[in-house]
Amino acid sequence: SMFYSSCEMVCPVLFETIAQTLKELPPATRDRLKIVMITFDPARD
């Protein structure tokens, strides 16, 4: 997914949604999973 760190609304919810999704996964699936978050604000991030 994509984000920017100074976002105060949607991006924190995005991180939380992914984190909560991980908790719903079986351990074997969770262990294989990688999460890639790309900032579209490289000047400040």
PDB file of all heavy atoms in Angstrom:
ATOM      1  N   SER A   1       0.845  -1.184   0.000  1.00  0.00           N
ATOM      2  CA  SER A   1       0.000   0.000   0.000  1.00  0.00           C
ATOM      3  C   SER A   1       0.883   1.238   0.000  1.00  0.00           C
ATOM      4  O   SER A   1       2.115   1.138   0.026  1.00  0.00           O
ATOM      5  CB  SER A   1      -0.935   0.001   1.223  1.00  0.00           C
ATOM      6  OG  SER A   1      -1.906   1.017   1.103  1.00  0.00           O
ATOM      7  N   MET A   2       0.247   2.418  -0.027  1.00  0.00           N
ATOM      8  CA  MET A   2       0.978   3.681  -0.039  1.00  0.00           C
ATOM      9  C   MET A   2       0.413   4.603   1.034  1.00  0.00           C
ATOM     10  O   MET A   2      -0.764   4.535   1.385  1.00  0.00           O
ATOM     11  CB  MET A   2       0.913   4.338  -1.419  1.00  0.00           C
ATOM     12  CG  MET A   2       1.486   3.462  -2.523  1.00  0.00           C
ATOM     13  SD  MET A   2       1.674   4.311  -4.112  1.00  0.00           S
ATOM     14  CE  MET A   2       3.128   5.350  -3.774  1.00  0.00           C
ATOM     15  N   PHE A   3       1.271   5.506   1.535  1.00  0.00           N
ATOM     16  CA  PHE A   3       0.899   6.365   2.650  1.00  0.00           C
ATOM     17  C   PHE A   3       1.825   7.567   2.697  1.00  0.00           C
ATOM     18  O   PHE A   3       2.749   7.693   1.883  1.00  0.00           O
ATOM     19  CB  PHE A   3       1.038   5.578   3.959  1.00  0.00           C
ATOM     20  CG  PHE A   3       2.489   5.428   4.391  1.00  0.00           C
ATOM     21  CD1 PHE A   3       2.993   6.200   5.430  1.00  0.00           C
ATOM     22  CD2 PHE A   3       3.348   4.549   3.735  1.00  0.00           C
ATOM     23  CE1 PHE A   3       4.332   6.082   5.809  1.00  0.00           C
ATOM     24  CE2 PHE A   3       4.675   4.428   4.112  1.00  0.00           C
ATOM     25  CZ  PHE A   3       5.171   5.195   5.148  1.00  0.00           C
ATOM     26  N   TYR A   4       1.573   8.457   3.669  1.00  0.00           N
ATOM     27  CA  TYR A   4       2.584   9.452   4.032  1.00  0.00           C
ATOM     28  C   TYR A   4       2.487   9.684   5.539  1.00  0.00           C
ATOM     29  O   TYR A   4       1.405   9.652   6.127  1.00  0.00           O
ATOM     30  CB  TYR A   4       2.451  10.743   3.224  1.00  0.00           C
ATOM     31  CG  TYR A   4       1.271  11.642   3.525  1.00  0.00           C
ATOM     32  CD1 TYR A   4       1.440  12.869   4.170  1.00  0.00           C
ATOM     33  CD2 TYR A   4      -0.018  11.291   3.116  1.00  0.00           C
ATOM     34  CE1 TYR A   4       0.369  13.715   4.406  1.00  0.00           C
ATOM     35  CE2 TYR A   4      -1.094  12.130   3.344  1.00  0.00           C
ATOM     36  CZ  TYR A   4      -0.896  13.352   3.994  1.00  0.00           C
ATOM     37  OH  TYR A   4      -1.975  14.186   4.233  1.00  0.00           O
ATOM     38  N   SER A   5       3.643   9.871   6.159  1.00  0.00           N
ATOM     39  CA  SER A   5       3.715   9.801   7.625  1.00  0.00           C
ATOM     40  C   SER A   5       2.987  10.922   8.340  1.00  0.00           C
ATOM     41  O   SER A   5       2.492  10.731   9.457  1.00  0.00           O
ATOM     42  CB  SER A   5       5.185   9.777   8.072  1.00  0.00           C
ATOM     43  OG  SER A   5       5.803   8.574   7.695  1.00  0.00           O
ATOM     44  N   SER A   6       2.922  12.103   7.735  1.00  0.00           N
ATOM     45  CA  SER A   6       2.292  13.222   8.437  1.00  0.00           C
ATOM     46  C   SER A   6       0.776  13.231   8.300  1.00  0.00           C
ATOM     47  O   SER A   6       0.110  14.114   8.848  1.00  0.00           O
ATOM     48  CB  SER A   6       2.874  14.558   7.944  1.00  0.00           C
ATOM     49  OG  SER A   6       2.649  14.734   6.553  1.00  0.00           O
ATOM     50  N   CYS A   7       0.222  12.253   7.583  1.00  0.00           N
ATOM     51  CA  CYS A   7      -1.232  12.130   7.467  1.00  0.00           C
ATOM     52  C   CYS A   7      -1.826  11.875   8.848  1.00  0.00           C
ATOM     53  O   CYS A   7      -1.343  11.028   9.601  1.00  0.00           O
ATOM     54  CB  CYS A   7      -1.569  10.988   6.520  1.00  0.00           C
ATOM     55  SG  CYS A   7      -3.331  10.686   6.310  1.00  0.00           S
ATOM     56  N   GLU A   8      -2.881  12.584   9.175  1.00  0.00           N
ATOM     57  CA  GLU A   8      -3.499  12.449  10.490  1.00  0.00           C
ATOM     58  C   GLU A   8      -4.855  11.751  10.435  1.00  0.00           C
ATOM     59  O   GLU A   8      -5.483  11.559  11.474  1.00  0.00           O
ATOM     60  CB  GLU A   8      -3.659  13.822  11.134  1.00  0.00           C
ATOM     61  CG  GLU A   8      -2.330  14.528  11.400  1.00  0.00           C
ATOM     62  CD  GLU A   8      -2.510  15.897  12.026  1.00  0.00           C
ATOM     63  OE1 GLU A   8      -3.666  16.374  12.104  1.00  0.00           O
ATOM     64  OE2 GLU A   8      -1.500  16.496  12.439  1.00  0.00           O
ATOM     65  N   MET A   9      -5.289  11.377   9.236  1.00  0.00           N
ATOM     66  CA  MET A   9      -6.629  10.809   9.125  1.00  0.00           C
ATOM     67  C   MET A   9      -6.606   9.387   8.585  1.00  0.00           C
ATOM     68  O   MET A   9      -6.647   8.421   9.331  1.00  0.00           O
ATOM     69  CB  MET A   9      -7.500  11.721   8.246  1.00  0.00           C
ATOM     70  CG  MET A   9      -7.729  13.117   8.844  1.00  0.00           C
ATOM     71  SD  MET A   9      -8.679  14.208   7.758  1.00  0.00           S
ATOM     72  CE  MET A   9     -10.252  13.352   7.723  1.00  0.00           C
ATOM     73  N   VAL A  10      -6.502   9.242   7.263  1.00  0.00           N
ATOM     74  CA  VAL A  10      -6.664   7.935   6.637  1.00  0.00           C
ATOM     75  C   VAL A  10      -5.463   7.021   6.867  1.00  0.00           C
ATOM     76  O   VAL A  10      -5.632   5.833   7.150  1.00  0.00           O
ATOM     77  CB  VAL A  10      -6.928   8.088   5.120  1.00  0.00           C
ATOM     78  CG1 VAL A  10      -6.849   6.745   4.414  1.00  0.00           C
ATOM     79  CG2 VAL A  10      -8.296   8.720   4.902  1.00  0.00           C
ATOM     80  N   CYS A  11      -4.244   7.538   6.753  1.00  0.00           N
ATOM     81  CA  CYS A  11      -3.062   6.666   6.810  1.00  0.00           C
ATOM     82  C   CYS A  11      -2.908   5.933   8.148  1.00  0.00           C
ATOM     83  O   CYS A  11      -2.582   4.735   8.154  1.00  0.00           O
ATOM     84  CB  CYS A  11      -1.803   7.451   6.461  1.00  0.00           C
ATOM     85  SG  CYS A  11      -1.827   8.060   4.749  1.00  0.00           S
ATOM     86  N   PRO A  12      -3.135   6.579   9.290  1.00  0.00           N
ATOM     87  CA  PRO A  12      -3.096   5.808  10.540  1.00  0.00           C
ATOM     88  C   PRO A  12      -4.120   4.679  10.566  1.00  0.00           C
ATOM     89  O   PRO A  12      -3.843   3.591  11.093  1.00  0.00           O
ATOM     90  CB  PRO A  12      -3.395   6.867  11.610  1.00  0.00           C
ATOM     91  CG  PRO A  12      -2.918   8.155  11.004  1.00  0.00           C
ATOM     92  CD  PRO A  12      -3.283   8.030   9.551  1.00  0.00           C
ATOM     93  N   VAL A  13      -5.293   4.926   9.984  1.00  0.00           N
ATOM     94  CA  VAL A  13      -6.317   3.889   9.911  1.00  0.00           C
ATOM     95  C   VAL A  13      -5.864   2.771   8.979  1.00  0.00           C
ATOM     96  O   VAL A  13      -6.136   1.582   9.224  1.00  0.00           O
ATOM     97  CB  VAL A  13      -7.661   4.484   9.430  1.00  0.00           C
ATOM     98  CG1 VAL A  13      -8.718   3.390   9.298  1.00  0.00           C
ATOM     99  CG2 VAL A  13      -8.137   5.561  10.393  1.00  0.00           C
ATOM    100  N   LEU A  14      -5.162   3.120   7.924  1.00  0.00           N
ATOM    101  CA  LEU A  14      -4.626   2.132   6.999  1.00  0.00           C
ATOM    102  C   LEU A  14      -3.673   1.177   7.717  1.00  0.00           C
ATOM    103  O   LEU A  14      -3.781  -0.050   7.584  1.00  0.00           O
ATOM    104  CB  LEU A  14      -3.907   2.844   5.858  1.00  0.00           C
ATOM    105  CG  LEU A  14      -3.174   1.996   4.823  1.00  0.00           C
ATOM    106  CD1 LEU A  14      -4.149   1.091   4.089  1.00  0.00           C
ATOM    107  CD2 LEU A  14      -2.434   2.900   3.844  1.00  0.00           C
ATOM    108  N   PHE A  15      -2.747   1.737   8.489  1.00  0.00           N
ATOM    109  CA  PHE A  15      -1.823   0.903   9.259  1.00  0.00           C
ATOM    110  C   PHE A  15      -2.574   0.008  10.234  1.00  0.00           C
ATOM    111  O   PHE A  15      -2.275  -1.188  10.367  1.00  0.00           O
ATOM    112  CB  PHE A  15      -0.830   1.779  10.023  1.00  0.00           C
ATOM    113  CG  PHE A  15       0.377   2.184   9.233  1.00  0.00           C
ATOM    114  CD1 PHE A  15       0.353   3.321   8.444  1.00  0.00           C
ATOM    115  CD2 PHE A  15       1.543   1.436   9.272  1.00  0.00           C
ATOM    116  CE1 PHE A  15       1.467   3.706   7.707  1.00  0.00           C
ATOM    117  CE2 PHE A  15       2.667   1.805   8.560  1.00  0.00           C
ATOM    118  CZ  PHE A  15       2.623   2.948   7.761  1.00  0.00           C
ATOM    119  N   GLU A  16      -3.554   0.572  10.911  1.00  0.00           N
ATOM    120  CA  GLU A  16      -4.308  -0.192  11.898  1.00  0.00           C
ATOM    121  C   GLU A  16      -5.125  -1.301  11.241  1.00  0.00           C
ATOM    122  O   GLU A  16      -5.231  -2.413  11.783  1.00  0.00           O
ATOM    123  CB  GLU A  16      -5.229   0.741  12.686  1.00  0.00           C
ATOM    124  CG  GLU A  16      -6.067   0.052  13.765  1.00  0.00           C
ATOM    125  CD  GLU A  16      -5.224  -0.608  14.847  1.00  0.00           C
ATOM    126  OE1 GLU A  16      -4.049  -0.222  15.031  1.00  0.00           O
ATOM    127  OE2 GLU A  16      -5.736  -1.534  15.513  1.00  0.00           O
ATOM    128  N   THR A  17      -5.695  -1.016  10.065  1.00  0.00           N
ATOM    129  CA  THR A  17      -6.474  -2.023   9.351  1.00  0.00           C
ATOM    130  C   THR A  17      -5.606  -3.215   8.981  1.00  0.00           C
ATOM    131  O   THR A  17      -6.014  -4.378   9.140  1.00  0.00           O
ATOM    132  CB  THR A  17      -7.102  -1.418   8.084  1.00  0.00           C
ATOM    133  OG1 THR A  17      -7.955  -0.326   8.455  1.00  0.00           O
ATOM    134  CG2 THR A  17      -7.920  -2.452   7.333  1.00  0.00           C
ATOM    135  N   ILE A  18      -4.400  -2.944   8.497  1.00  0.00           N
ATOM    136  CA  ILE A  18      -3.485  -4.030   8.144  1.00  0.00           C
ATOM    137  C   ILE A  18      -3.096  -4.819   9.391  1.00  0.00           C
ATOM    138  O   ILE A  18      -3.079  -6.056   9.384  1.00  0.00           O
ATOM    139  CB  ILE A  18      -2.247  -3.484   7.418  1.00  0.00           C
ATOM    140  CG1 ILE A  18      -2.648  -2.890   6.064  1.00  0.00           C
ATOM    141  CG2 ILE A  18      -1.197  -4.588   7.227  1.00  0.00           C
ATOM    142  CD1 ILE A  18      -1.523  -2.206   5.319  1.00  0.00           C
ATOM    143  N   ALA A  19      -2.796  -4.105  10.475  1.00  0.00           N
ATOM    144  CA  ALA A  19      -2.408  -4.769  11.718  1.00  0.00           C
ATOM    145  C   ALA A  19      -3.529  -5.674  12.232  1.00  0.00           C
ATOM    146  O   ALA A  19      -3.278  -6.810  12.674  1.00  0.00           O
ATOM    147  CB  ALA A  19      -2.036  -3.741  12.774  1.00  0.00           C
ATOM    148  N   GLN A  20      -4.763  -5.192  12.161  1.00  0.00           N
ATOM    149  CA  GLN A  20      -5.894  -6.005  12.617  1.00  0.00           C
ATOM    150  C   GLN A  20      -6.124  -7.200  11.692  1.00  0.00           C
ATOM    151  O   GLN A  20      -6.505  -8.279  12.145  1.00  0.00           O
ATOM    152  CB  GLN A  20      -7.161  -5.143  12.683  1.00  0.00           C
ATOM    153  CG  GLN A  20      -7.134  -4.087  13.780  1.00  0.00           C
ATOM    154  CD  GLN A  20      -6.984  -4.714  15.171  1.00  0.00           C
ATOM    155  OE1 GLN A  20      -7.597  -5.732  15.476  1.00  0.00           O
ATOM    156  NE2 GLN A  20      -6.154  -4.097  15.999  1.00  0.00           N
ATOM    157  N   THR A  21      -5.879  -7.000  10.401  1.00  0.00           N
ATOM    158  CA  THR A  21      -6.014  -8.107   9.448  1.00  0.00           C
ATOM    159  C   THR A  21      -5.027  -9.212   9.774  1.00  0.00           C
ATOM    160  O   THR A  21      -5.365 -10.405   9.722  1.00  0.00           O
ATOM    161  CB  THR A  21      -5.787  -7.596   8.011  1.00  0.00           C
ATOM    162  OG1 THR A  21      -6.768  -6.595   7.693  1.00  0.00           O
ATOM    163  CG2 THR A  21      -5.898  -8.736   6.998  1.00  0.00           C
ATOM    164  N   LEU A  22      -3.805  -8.839  10.136  1.00  0.00           N
ATOM    165  CA  LEU A  22      -2.793  -9.835  10.472  1.00  0.00           C
ATOM    166  C   LEU A  22      -3.228 -10.702  11.646  1.00  0.00           C
ATOM    167  O   LEU A  22      -2.944 -11.906  11.685  1.00  0.00           O
ATOM    168  CB  LEU A  22      -1.459  -9.157  10.806  1.00  0.00           C
ATOM    169  CG  LEU A  22      -0.802  -8.308   9.711  1.00  0.00           C
ATOM    170  CD1 LEU A  22       0.565  -7.825  10.162  1.00  0.00           C
ATOM    171  CD2 LEU A  22      -0.694  -9.085   8.414  1.00  0.00           C
ATOM    172  N   LYS A  23      -3.910 -10.100  12.602  1.00  0.00           N
ATOM    173  CA  LYS A  23      -4.349 -10.849  13.778  1.00  0.00           C
ATOM    174  C   LYS A  23      -5.399 -11.902  13.446  1.00  0.00           C
ATOM    175  O   LYS A  23      -5.585 -12.845  14.224  1.00  0.00           O
ATOM    176  CB  LYS A  23      -4.898  -9.874  14.826  1.00  0.00           C
ATOM    177  CG  LYS A  23      -3.848  -8.937  15.409  1.00  0.00           C
ATOM    178  CD  LYS A  23      -4.466  -7.983  16.421  1.00  0.00           C
ATOM    179  CE  LYS A  23      -3.419  -7.031  16.993  1.00  0.00           C
ATOM    180  NZ  LYS A  23      -4.001  -6.084  17.974  1.00  0.00           N
ATOM    181  N   GLU A  24      -6.059 -11.752  12.301  1.00  0.00           N
ATOM    182  CA  GLU A  24      -7.087 -12.705  11.897  1.00  0.00           C
ATOM    183  C   GLU A  24      -6.512 -13.903  11.150  1.00  0.00           C
ATOM    184  O   GLU A  24      -7.243 -14.854  10.852  1.00  0.00           O
ATOM    185  CB  GLU A  24      -8.112 -12.009  10.989  1.00  0.00           C
ATOM    186  CG  GLU A  24      -8.949 -10.947  11.692  1.00  0.00           C
ATOM    187  CD  GLU A  24      -9.829 -11.547  12.777  1.00  0.00           C
ATOM    188  OE1 GLU A  24     -10.554 -12.521  12.475  1.00  0.00           O
ATOM    189  OE2 GLU A  24      -9.790 -11.056  13.917  1.00  0.00           O
ATOM    190  N   LEU A  25      -5.225 -13.867  10.860  1.00  0.00           N
ATOM    191  CA  LEU A  25      -4.617 -14.917  10.042  1.00  0.00           C
ATOM    192  C   LEU A  25      -4.079 -16.062  10.892  1.00  0.00           C
ATOM    193  O   LEU A  25      -3.608 -15.842  12.009  1.00  0.00           O
ATOM    194  CB  LEU A  25      -3.466 -14.327   9.218  1.00  0.00           C
ATOM    195  CG  LEU A  25      -3.827 -13.210   8.243  1.00  0.00           C
ATOM    196  CD1 LEU A  25      -2.562 -12.650   7.614  1.00  0.00           C
ATOM    197  CD2 LEU A  25      -4.793 -13.715   7.175  1.00  0.00           C
ATOM    198  N   PRO A  26      -4.092 -17.275  10.372  1.00  0.00           N
ATOM    199  CA  PRO A  26      -3.419 -18.382  11.051  1.00  0.00           C
ATOM    200  C   PRO A  26      -1.927 -18.076  11.161  1.00  0.00           C
ATOM    201  O   PRO A  26      -1.368 -17.405  10.287  1.00  0.00           O
ATOM    202  CB  PRO A  26      -3.673 -19.574  10.114  1.00  0.00           C
ATOM    203  CG  PRO A  26      -4.836 -19.167   9.269  1.00  0.00           C
ATOM    204  CD  PRO A  26      -4.752 -17.691   9.123  1.00  0.00           C
ATOM    205  N   PRO A  27      -1.266 -18.529  12.205  1.00  0.00           N
ATOM    206  CA  PRO A  27       0.162 -18.230  12.393  1.00  0.00           C
ATOM    207  C   PRO A  27       1.014 -18.569  11.175  1.00  0.00           C
ATOM    208  O   PRO A  27       1.923 -17.799  10.820  1.00  0.00           O
ATOM    209  CB  PRO A  27       0.536 -19.084  13.604  1.00  0.00           C
ATOM    210  CG  PRO A  27      -0.732 -19.208  14.377  1.00  0.00           C
ATOM    211  CD  PRO A  27      -1.816 -19.287  13.346  1.00  0.00           C
ATOM    212  N   ALA A  28       0.749 -19.692  10.508  1.00  0.00           N
ATOM    213  CA  ALA A  28       1.558 -20.097   9.360  1.00  0.00           C
ATOM    214  C   ALA A  28       1.441 -19.090   8.217  1.00  0.00           C
ATOM    215  O   ALA A  28       2.427 -18.779   7.536  1.00  0.00           O
ATOM    216  CB  ALA A  28       1.144 -21.484   8.880  1.00  0.00           C
ATOM    217  N   THR A  29       0.239 -18.564   8.014  1.00  0.00           N
ATOM    218  CA  THR A  29       0.037 -17.560   6.968  1.00  0.00           C
ATOM    219  C   THR A  29       0.700 -16.253   7.353  1.00  0.00           C
ATOM    220  O   THR A  29       1.371 -15.618   6.534  1.00  0.00           O
ATOM    221  CB  THR A  29      -1.465 -17.328   6.732  1.00  0.00           C
ATOM    222  OG1 THR A  29      -2.084 -18.562   6.367  1.00  0.00           O
ATOM    223  CG2 THR A  29      -1.689 -16.300   5.639  1.00  0.00           C
ATOM    224  N   ARG A  30       0.519 -15.859   8.600  1.00  0.00           N
ATOM    225  CA  ARG A  30       1.104 -14.608   9.085  1.00  0.00           C
ATOM    226  C   ARG A  30       2.623 -14.620   9.005  1.00  0.00           C
ATOM    227  O   ARG A  30       3.242 -13.613   8.648  1.00  0.00           O
ATOM    228  CB  ARG A  30       0.639 -14.356  10.523  1.00  0.00           C
ATOM    229  CG  ARG A  30       1.011 -12.975  11.053  1.00  0.00           C
ATOM    230  CD  ARG A  30       0.235 -12.650  12.310  1.00  0.00           C
ATOM    231  NE  ARG A  30       0.382 -13.654  13.348  1.00  0.00           N
ATOM    232  CZ  ARG A  30      -0.589 -14.428  13.813  1.00  0.00           C
ATOM    233  NH1 ARG A  30      -1.810 -14.321  13.333  1.00  0.00           N
ATOM    234  NH2 ARG A  30      -0.361 -15.315  14.780  1.00  0.00           N
ATOM    235  N   ASP A  31       3.224 -15.753   9.281  1.00  0.00           N
ATOM    236  CA  ASP A  31       4.682 -15.837   9.259  1.00  0.00           C
ATOM    237  C   ASP A  31       5.250 -15.685   7.852  1.00  0.00           C
ATOM    238  O   ASP A  31       6.380 -15.220   7.683  1.00  0.00           O
ATOM    239  CB  ASP A  31       5.143 -17.173   9.852  1.00  0.00           C
ATOM    240  CG  ASP A  31       4.914 -17.255  11.354  1.00  0.00           C
ATOM    241  OD1 ASP A  31       4.702 -16.191  11.974  1.00  0.00           O
ATOM    242  OD2 ASP A  31       4.932 -18.374  11.905  1.00  0.00           O
ATOM    243  N   ARG A  32       4.471 -16.076   6.840  1.00  0.00           N
ATOM    244  CA  ARG A  32       4.939 -15.987   5.450  1.00  0.00           C
ATOM    245  C   ARG A  32       4.712 -14.621   4.846  1.00  0.00           C
ATOM    246  O   ARG A  32       5.309 -14.278   3.807  1.00  0.00           O
ATOM    247  CB  ARG A  32       4.204 -17.018   4.581  1.00  0.00           C
ATOM    248  CG  ARG A  32       4.472 -18.462   4.936  1.00  0.00           C
ATOM    249  CD  ARG A  32       3.666 -19.391   4.051  1.00  0.00           C
ATOM    250  NE  ARG A  32       3.950 -19.200   2.638  1.00  0.00           N
ATOM    251  CZ  ARG A  32       3.058 -18.863   1.715  1.00  0.00           C
ATOM    252  NH1 ARG A  32       1.782 -18.657   2.072  1.00  0.00           N
ATOM    253  NH2 ARG A  32       3.392 -18.740   0.452  1.00  0.00           N
ATOM    254  N   LEU A  33       3.879 -13.827   5.460  1.00  0.00           N
ATOM    255  CA  LEU A  33       3.431 -12.576   4.870  1.00  0.00           C
ATOM    256  C   LEU A  33       4.447 -11.447   5.040  1.00  0.00           C
ATOM    257  O   LEU A  33       5.085 -11.320   6.082  1.00  0.00           O
ATOM    258  CB  LEU A  33       2.105 -12.161   5.509  1.00  0.00           C
ATOM    259  CG  LEU A  33       1.445 -10.877   5.001  1.00  0.00           C
ATOM    260  CD1 LEU A  33       1.061 -11.018   3.527  1.00  0.00           C
ATOM    261  CD2 LEU A  33       0.228 -10.555   5.854  1.00  0.00           C
ATOM    262  N   LYS A  34       4.576 -10.630   4.001  1.00  0.00           N
ATOM    263  CA  LYS A  34       5.364  -9.412   4.069  1.00  0.00           C
ATOM    264  C   LYS A  34       4.461  -8.222   3.773  1.00  0.00           C
ATOM    265  O   LYS A  34       3.511  -8.342   2.995  1.00  0.00           O
ATOM    266  CB  LYS A  34       6.526  -9.456   3.078  1.00  0.00           C
ATOM    267  CG  LYS A  34       7.542 -10.549   3.378  1.00  0.00           C
ATOM    268  CD  LYS A  34       8.666 -10.554   2.359  1.00  0.00           C
ATOM    269  CE  LYS A  34       9.659 -11.666   2.657  1.00  0.00           C
ATOM    270  NZ  LYS A  34      10.747 -11.717   1.654  1.00  0.00           N
ATOM    271  N   ILE A  35       4.749  -7.101   4.408  1.00  0.00           N
ATOM    272  CA  ILE A  35       3.983  -5.880   4.195  1.00  0.00           C
ATOM    273  C   ILE A  35       4.923  -4.802   3.692  1.00  0.00           C
ATOM    274  O   ILE A  35       5.960  -4.539   4.308  1.00  0.00           O
ATOM    275  CB  ILE A  35       3.275  -5.405   5.484  1.00  0.00           C
ATOM    276  CG1 ILE A  35       2.377  -6.509   6.040  1.00  0.00           C
ATOM    277  CG2 ILE A  35       2.454  -4.161   5.210  1.00  0.00           C
ATOM    278  CD1 ILE A  35       2.984  -7.280   7.170  1.00  0.00           C
ATOM    279  N   VAL A  36       4.581  -4.213   2.561  1.00  0.00           N
ATOM    280  CA  VAL A  36       5.388  -3.153   1.965  1.00  0.00           C
ATOM    281  C   VAL A  36       4.551  -1.880   1.907  1.00  0.00           C
ATOM    282  O   VAL A  36       3.497  -1.850   1.270  1.00  0.00           O
ATOM    283  CB  VAL A  36       5.869  -3.533   0.550  1.00  0.00           C
ATOM    284  CG1 VAL A  36       6.687  -2.397  -0.055  1.00  0.00           C
ATOM    285  CG2 VAL A  36       6.690  -4.822   0.584  1.00  0.00           C
ATOM    286  N   MET A  37       5.025  -0.848   2.588  1.00  0.00           N
ATOM    287  CA  MET A  37       4.345   0.444   2.631  1.00  0.00           C
ATOM    288  C   MET A  37       5.250   1.476   1.977  1.00  0.00           C
ATOM    289  O   MET A  37       6.372   1.704   2.428  1.00  0.00           O
ATOM    290  CB  MET A  37       4.041   0.839   4.077  1.00  0.00           C
ATOM    291  CG  MET A  37       3.255  -0.200   4.870  1.00  0.00           C
ATOM    292  SD  MET A  37       1.554  -0.390   4.292  1.00  0.00           S
ATOM    293  CE  MET A  37       0.839   1.176   4.847  1.00  0.00           C
ATOM    294  N   ILE A  38       4.775   2.107   0.915  1.00  0.00           N
ATOM    295  CA  ILE A  38       5.584   3.042   0.137  1.00  0.00           C
ATOM    296  C   ILE A  38       5.064   4.456   0.347  1.00  0.00           C
ATOM    297  O   ILE A  38       3.888   4.733   0.131  1.00  0.00           O
ATOM    298  CB  ILE A  38       5.538   2.681  -1.356  1.00  0.00           C
ATOM    299  CG1 ILE A  38       5.992   1.228  -1.558  1.00  0.00           C
ATOM    300  CG2 ILE A  38       6.413   3.626  -2.175  1.00  0.00           C
ATOM    301  CD1 ILE A  38       5.671   0.670  -2.923  1.00  0.00           C
ATOM    302  N   THR A  39       5.952   5.344   0.763  1.00  0.00           N
ATOM    303  CA  THR A  39       5.535   6.730   0.973  1.00  0.00           C
ATOM    304  C   THR A  39       5.513   7.496  -0.343  1.00  0.00           C
ATOM    305  O   THR A  39       6.397   7.331  -1.187  1.00  0.00           O
ATOM    306  CB  THR A  39       6.448   7.463   1.965  1.00  0.00           C
ATOM    307  OG1 THR A  39       6.030   8.842   2.042  1.00  0.00           O
ATOM    308  CG2 THR A  39       7.912   7.421   1.548  1.00  0.00           C
ATOM    309  N   PHE A  40       4.479   8.307  -0.527  1.00  0.00           N
ATOM    310  CA  PHE A  40       4.469   9.196  -1.683  1.00  0.00           C
ATOM    311  C   PHE A  40       4.855  10.618  -1.272  1.00  0.00           C
ATOM    312  O   PHE A  40       4.613  11.579  -2.003  1.00  0.00           O
ATOM    313  CB  PHE A  40       3.117   9.171  -2.424  1.00  0.00           C
ATOM    314  CG  PHE A  40       1.893   9.266  -1.559  1.00  0.00           C
ATOM    315  CD1 PHE A  40       1.496  10.465  -1.007  1.00  0.00           C
ATOM    316  CD2 PHE A  40       1.117   8.149  -1.322  1.00  0.00           C
ATOM    317  CE1 PHE A  40       0.353  10.555  -0.232  1.00  0.00           C
ATOM    318  CE2 PHE A  40      -0.028   8.221  -0.553  1.00  0.00           C
ATOM    319  CZ  PHE A  40      -0.412   9.434  -0.003  1.00  0.00           C
ATOM    320  N   ASP A  41       5.500  10.740  -0.117  1.00  0.00           N
ATOM    321  CA  ASP A  41       6.009  12.030   0.361  1.00  0.00           C
ATOM    322  C   ASP A  41       7.493  11.876   0.733  1.00  0.00           C
ATOM    323  O   ASP A  41       7.876  12.113   1.879  1.00  0.00           O
ATOM    324  CB  ASP A  41       5.197  12.490   1.569  1.00  0.00           C
ATOM    325  CG  ASP A  41       5.523  13.911   1.995  1.00  0.00           C
ATOM    326  OD1 ASP A  41       6.185  14.641   1.228  1.00  0.00           O
ATOM    327  OD2 ASP A  41       5.124  14.292   3.120  1.00  0.00           O
ATOM    328  N   PRO A  42       8.348  11.474  -0.230  1.00  0.00           N
ATOM    329  CA  PRO A  42       9.748  11.224   0.112  1.00  0.00           C
ATOM    330  C   PRO A  42      10.491  12.470   0.583  1.00  0.00           C
ATOM    331  O   PRO A  42      11.491  12.348   1.299  1.00  0.00           O
ATOM    332  CB  PRO A  42      10.341  10.670  -1.185  1.00  0.00           C
ATOM    333  CG  PRO A  42       9.444  11.186  -2.269  1.00  0.00           C
ATOM    334  CD  PRO A  42       8.081  11.214  -1.659  1.00  0.00           C
ATOM    335  N   ALA A  43      10.010  13.638   0.211  1.00  0.00           N
ATOM    336  CA  ALA A  43      10.690  14.864   0.641  1.00  0.00           C
ATOM    337  C   ALA A  43      10.658  15.015   2.155  1.00  0.00           C
ATOM    338  O   ALA A  43      11.639  15.441   2.773  1.00  0.00           O
ATOM    339  CB  ALA A  43      10.051  16.082  -0.030  1.00  0.00           C
ATOM    340  N   ARG A  44       9.541  14.666   2.771  1.00  0.00           N
ATOM    341  CA  ARG A  44       9.414  14.798   4.227  1.00  0.00           C
ATOM    342  C   ARG A  44       9.604  13.470   4.957  1.00  0.00           C
ATOM    343  O   ARG A  44      10.001  13.463   6.126  1.00  0.00           O
ATOM    344  CB  ARG A  44       8.057  15.399   4.585  1.00  0.00           C
ATOM    345  CG  ARG A  44       7.907  16.859   4.166  1.00  0.00           C
ATOM    346  CD  ARG A  44       6.603  17.462   4.667  1.00  0.00           C
ATOM    347  NE  ARG A  44       5.432  16.800   4.099  1.00  0.00           N
ATOM    348  CZ  ARG A  44       4.179  17.171   4.345  1.00  0.00           C
ATOM    349  NH1 ARG A  44       3.936  18.182   5.175  1.00  0.00           N
ATOM    350  NH2 ARG A  44       3.168  16.537   3.776  1.00  0.00           N
ATOM    351  N   ASP A  45       9.324  12.384   4.271  1.00  0.00           N
ATOM    352  CA  ASP A  45       9.488  11.070   4.905  1.00  0.00           C
ATOM    353  C   ASP A  45      10.932  10.595   4.743  1.00  0.00           C
ATOM    354  O   ASP A  45      11.250   9.728   3.928  1.00  0.00           O
ATOM    355  CB  ASP A  45       8.502  10.054   4.318  1.00  0.00           C
ATOM    356  CG  ASP A  45       7.123  10.177   4.934  1.00  0.00           C
ATOM    357  OD1 ASP A  45       6.994  10.839   5.983  1.00  0.00           O
ATOM    358  OD2 ASP A  45       6.162   9.620   4.363  1.00  0.00           O
TER     359      ASP A  45
END
